[in-house]
Protein backbone atom coordinates (compact mmCIF):
# COMPACT_ATOMS: atom_id res chain seq x y z
CA MET A 1 7.38 5.09 -9.98
CA ILE A 2 7.56 1.45 -9.18
CA LEU A 3 8.82 -0.41 -6.06
CA ILE A 4 10.67 -3.33 -6.40
CA SER A 5 12.37 -6.03 -3.81
CA ALA A 6 16.01 -5.85 -4.92
CA CYS A 7 15.66 -9.90 -5.05
CA LEU A 8 13.28 -9.84 -7.55
CA ALA A 9 15.80 -7.92 -10.29
CA GLY A 10 18.03 -10.42 -9.70
CA PHE A 11 20.24 -9.20 -7.20
CA ASN A 12 21.82 -11.85 -4.34
CA VAL A 13 20.32 -10.08 -0.99
CA ARG A 14 17.86 -12.91 0.13
CA TYR A 15 18.45 -14.50 3.41
CA ASP A 16 20.55 -17.90 1.63
CA GLY A 17 21.98 -15.07 -0.74
CA GLY A 18 20.75 -15.79 -3.76
CA ASN A 19 17.37 -13.86 -5.18
CA ALA A 20 14.17 -15.06 -7.07
CA ARG A 21 14.35 -13.16 -10.13
CA ASN A 22 11.68 -12.04 -11.71
CA ASP A 23 12.20 -11.04 -15.82
CA LEU A 24 9.74 -8.15 -16.13
CA ALA A 25 11.48 -6.75 -12.65
CA VAL A 26 14.45 -7.07 -14.41
CA LYS A 27 12.87 -4.53 -17.47
CA LEU A 28 11.27 -2.15 -15.32
CA VAL A 29 14.12 -1.56 -13.95
CA ALA A 30 16.89 -1.58 -16.69
CA MET A 31 13.60 1.23 -18.48
CA GLY A 32 13.72 3.21 -15.44
CA GLN A 33 10.52 2.29 -14.36
CA ALA A 34 11.54 0.79 -10.91
CA VAL A 35 13.34 1.37 -7.68
CA THR A 36 14.46 -1.32 -6.26
CA VAL A 37 15.36 -1.52 -2.63
CA CYS A 38 16.06 -4.57 -0.16
CA PRO A 39 14.94 -3.59 3.48
CA GLU A 40 16.96 -6.49 5.33
CA ILE A 41 19.95 -4.84 3.65
CA MET A 42 19.07 -1.33 4.95
CA GLY A 43 18.41 -2.62 7.49
CA GLY A 44 22.32 -3.49 7.90
CA PHE A 45 21.95 -7.05 7.53
CA SER A 46 24.46 -9.34 5.09
CA THR A 47 24.15 -12.01 2.47
CA PRO A 48 23.72 -15.22 3.61
CA ARG A 49 22.16 -14.54 7.22
CA VAL A 50 20.05 -16.26 9.34
CA PRO A 51 16.52 -16.25 8.49
CA ALA A 52 14.05 -14.28 10.72
CA GLU A 53 10.53 -14.21 11.38
CA ILE A 54 7.59 -11.95 13.01
CA GLN A 55 6.67 -13.17 16.28
CA GLY A 56 3.30 -12.32 18.29
CA GLY A 57 1.51 -11.04 15.05
CA THR A 58 2.65 -9.17 12.05
CA GLY A 59 4.41 -6.36 10.36
CA HIS A 60 1.09 -3.91 11.47
CA ASP A 61 2.44 -5.77 14.94
CA VAL A 62 6.22 -4.73 15.27
CA LEU A 63 4.41 -1.26 13.89
CA ALA A 64 2.79 -0.89 16.61
CA GLY A 65 5.55 -2.45 19.45
CA ARG A 66 3.31 -4.90 19.94
CA ALA A 67 5.64 -8.01 17.98
CA THR A 68 9.13 -8.83 17.19
CA VAL A 69 11.51 -10.03 14.40
CA MET A 70 13.39 -12.85 15.83
CA ASN A 71 16.45 -14.65 13.82
CA ARG A 72 16.84 -18.30 13.90
CA VAL A 73 19.27 -18.59 16.35
CA GLY A 74 16.96 -16.30 19.33
CA CYS A 75 18.14 -12.60 18.54
CA ASP A 76 15.34 -10.23 18.56
CA VAL A 77 16.54 -7.94 14.74
CA THR A 78 13.22 -5.49 15.16
CA LYS A 79 15.53 -3.00 15.22
CA GLU A 80 16.98 -3.70 11.87
CA TYR A 81 13.80 -4.41 10.24
CA LEU A 82 12.11 -1.17 11.87
CA GLN A 83 15.35 0.62 10.33
CA GLY A 84 15.02 -0.72 6.93
CA ALA A 85 11.27 -0.50 6.77
CA ARG A 86 12.14 3.33 7.31
CA MET A 87 14.59 4.08 4.98
CA VAL A 88 12.69 2.33 2.02
CA LEU A 89 9.74 4.65 2.85
CA ARG A 90 11.73 7.18 2.22
CA ILE A 91 13.17 6.07 -0.62
CA ALA A 92 9.82 5.52 -1.67
CA GLN A 93 8.60 9.24 -1.31
CA ASP A 94 11.34 10.57 -2.51
CA HIS A 95 10.82 9.05 -5.75
CA GLY A 96 7.39 9.10 -5.89
CA VAL A 97 6.57 5.42 -5.52
CA THR A 98 2.61 4.77 -5.74
CA VAL A 99 2.61 1.10 -6.05
CA ALA A 100 5.05 -1.05 -4.93
CA PHE A 101 5.93 -4.85 -6.03
CA LEU A 102 7.66 -7.39 -2.76
CA LYS A 103 8.94 -10.67 -1.88
CA GLN A 104 5.68 -12.69 -0.51
CA LYS A 105 6.35 -14.11 2.60
CA SER A 106 9.35 -11.98 4.00
CA PRO A 107 9.18 -10.71 7.45
CA ALA A 108 10.32 -7.92 6.43
CA CYS A 109 7.76 -7.61 2.35
CA GLY A 110 5.04 -10.02 2.61
CA THR A 111 2.14 -8.86 1.22
CA LYS A 112 -0.45 -11.21 2.12
CA LEU A 113 1.68 -13.93 3.89
CA ILE A 114 4.08 -14.42 6.00
CA TYR A 115 5.75 -17.52 8.08
CA ASP A 116 3.93 -17.53 11.57
CA GLY A 117 7.47 -17.23 13.56
CA GLU A 118 8.08 -20.34 14.58
CA PHE A 119 10.68 -22.16 11.87
CA ALA A 120 8.73 -24.10 10.90
CA GLY A 121 7.55 -23.60 7.52
CA ASN A 122 4.04 -22.66 8.40
CA LYS A 123 2.64 -19.27 6.82
CA ILE A 124 -0.06 -17.24 8.29
CA PRO A 125 -2.08 -14.25 6.22
CA GLY A 126 -0.07 -11.01 7.44
CA VAL A 127 2.57 -8.40 5.89
CA GLY A 128 6.13 -7.80 6.65
CA VAL A 129 6.90 -4.82 8.44
CA THR A 130 7.91 -2.74 5.46
CA ALA A 131 4.68 -3.65 3.48
CA ALA A 132 2.84 -2.18 6.78
CA LEU A 133 4.55 0.93 6.82
CA LEU A 134 4.25 1.70 2.99
CA GLN A 135 0.66 0.79 3.60
CA ALA A 136 0.62 3.24 6.48
CA HIS A 137 1.65 5.64 3.60
CA GLY A 138 -0.71 4.86 0.96
CA ILE A 139 1.44 3.07 -1.15
CA LYS A 140 -0.08 -0.24 -2.78
CA CYS A 141 1.38 -3.16 -2.35
CA PHE A 142 2.04 -6.74 -3.94
CA GLY A 143 3.37 -9.77 -3.36
CA ASP A 144 6.18 -10.75 -6.28
CA GLU A 145 2.96 -13.04 -7.78
CA ASP A 146 1.07 -9.86 -9.10
CA LEU A 147 3.72 -8.60 -11.10
CA THR A 148 2.24 -9.08 -14.07
CA LEU A 149 1.83 -6.82 -17.71
CA ALA A 150 -1.38 -6.56 -16.28
CA ASN A 151 -1.16 -5.47 -13.11
CA ILE A 152 1.55 -3.05 -13.97
CA ARG A 153 -0.60 -1.37 -16.82
CA PRO A 154 -1.93 1.43 -14.77
CA TYR A 155 1.59 2.10 -13.45
CA VAL A 156 3.43 2.89 -16.90
CA ASP A 157 3.46 5.26 -19.48
CA ALA A 158 2.44 4.68 -22.88
CA VAL A 159 5.75 4.25 -24.36
CA THR A 160 7.15 1.67 -22.05
CA TRP A 161 3.98 -0.38 -22.24
CA GLU A 162 4.99 -1.02 -25.94
CA ASN A 163 8.18 -1.44 -25.19
CA LEU A 164 8.00 -4.17 -22.86
CA HIS A 165 6.54 -5.89 -25.75
CA HIS A 166 9.81 -6.05 -27.57
CA ASP A 167 11.91 -9.89 -27.64
CA ASN A 168 14.83 -7.00 -27.92
CA LEU A 169 13.92 -6.00 -24.40
CA ARG A 170 14.26 -9.73 -22.76
CA ALA A 171 15.54 -11.03 -19.81
CA ASP A 172 16.64 -13.80 -19.91
CA GLY A 173 18.90 -15.32 -17.37
């Protein structure tokens, strides 16, 4: 089973109340090949919400207690991000997830890049809190830019692979 950030499947769960819809994500969910999650919503946040960034490190550092997640108005929201990450891990384990495609740059889901904690739009190499927890439990994590047919091929069966190529399954917005 594949795990996908809910915003990629078209759910309006991003901090700004929008989504980051990816047609392939929508198809995988519709075909029962992927489960969606939003660590921020699972951590108790609403949409829209005040943006948050990791300060003092990356998601690995948050898990180790060396960094925090702060929102733009100065509230420490680390506890909520950890709660959401633990809930996502439980869902992943319950569904036999082996791979996740997550929204890049998010303080929860970033897999290669996250914002630097200064709220100035600067990005640094690193992973979000949820991505770090999933990786620590052996789940491969990729960013949304990696959600392509070629990259999901190893994670779907032959029937799904064939059906992904049919025009009648287009997920046009």
